[in-house]
Amino acid sequence: MRTSRVLLWTALGLGLAVIYFPLVVVLLNSFNADTTFGWPPARFTLEWWSRAASNEGALHALWTSVEAGLAATAIALVLGTMAAFALQRYRFFGRNPVSLLIILPIALPGIVTGIALNNAFRTILGIDLGLLTAIIAHATFCIVVVFNNVVARLRRLGGNLEEASMDLGATGLTTFRLVTFPMLRSALLAGGLLAFALSFDEIIVTTFTLGTGMETLPIWIYDNLFRPNQAPIVNVVAAVLIVVSTVPVYLAQRLSGDTASGGRL
């Protein structure tokens, strides 16, 4: 038993090291004064952070990512919640296939989704690629995380409280506002945070659906990674991206596990 425990902890430690040590290196290199990123760093500096803060390309790409993430998250919250209610509260022919179709986009390879949407926008619909097409593309997989969070919460809650509310004379809208929504609030927030994180760091689908001359932050990082004198700034931007992507996921995990309070914040 002791040997098994040691082996399991060793395997866990190695797995976490493989995943997180490169991220730690990126964070440290954002302060590394050596432009060749000699390891270990001989000295540290904040110069790259000040340069990144005034880099117009990085700031514009950051704003584009925020715009796309917020818009895609808003779409996902509306459509994902509606789909969750339809599939969880009603029984109809084809219910399981519809559920599979909603979840499928997040399982498909990003390059397949990107090519399919690119062809649909340009060839079939005749829409020029731009920020709007990227937002729609992001929403296709952001809907999944909202849908999963809301469905899971609805399954735990059941419908007894809502039925009791309507038995006491409340309308459907009043019941949703005073009973259903407060119980779903943390699940919606968790799904929204996860959706924003997914959209913010997406690069493959974005490459195929964003307009020419436009960049999100991940695309800016990729385009500037091997340019002379840009690598230190790229490390700073990557460090920011790590933090921005980690915080929503952490908060979403805390909110999704909030079962004792009945979904209240």
Foldseek 3Di string as FASTA:
>chain_A
DVVVVVVVVVVVVVVVCVVCVVLVLLVQLLQAPDPVSDPPRPGGHCVLVVVLVPDPQLVQQAVLLQVLLVLLLVLLLVVLLVLLCPLQVDDDPCSVVVLCQLQPVVVDPLLVLQVVLLCCQCPVVNHAFASVQLSVSLNSNLNNLLNVLNNVLCVVPDCPQLVVVVVVPDDPVRSCVPPVCQLCVLSSLLSSLLSSLCSLQDDNSCVRRHHPPHHHNNRVLVVQCPPPPCVSNSSVSVSVNVVSNPVSNVSSVVQSPPPVVSSHD
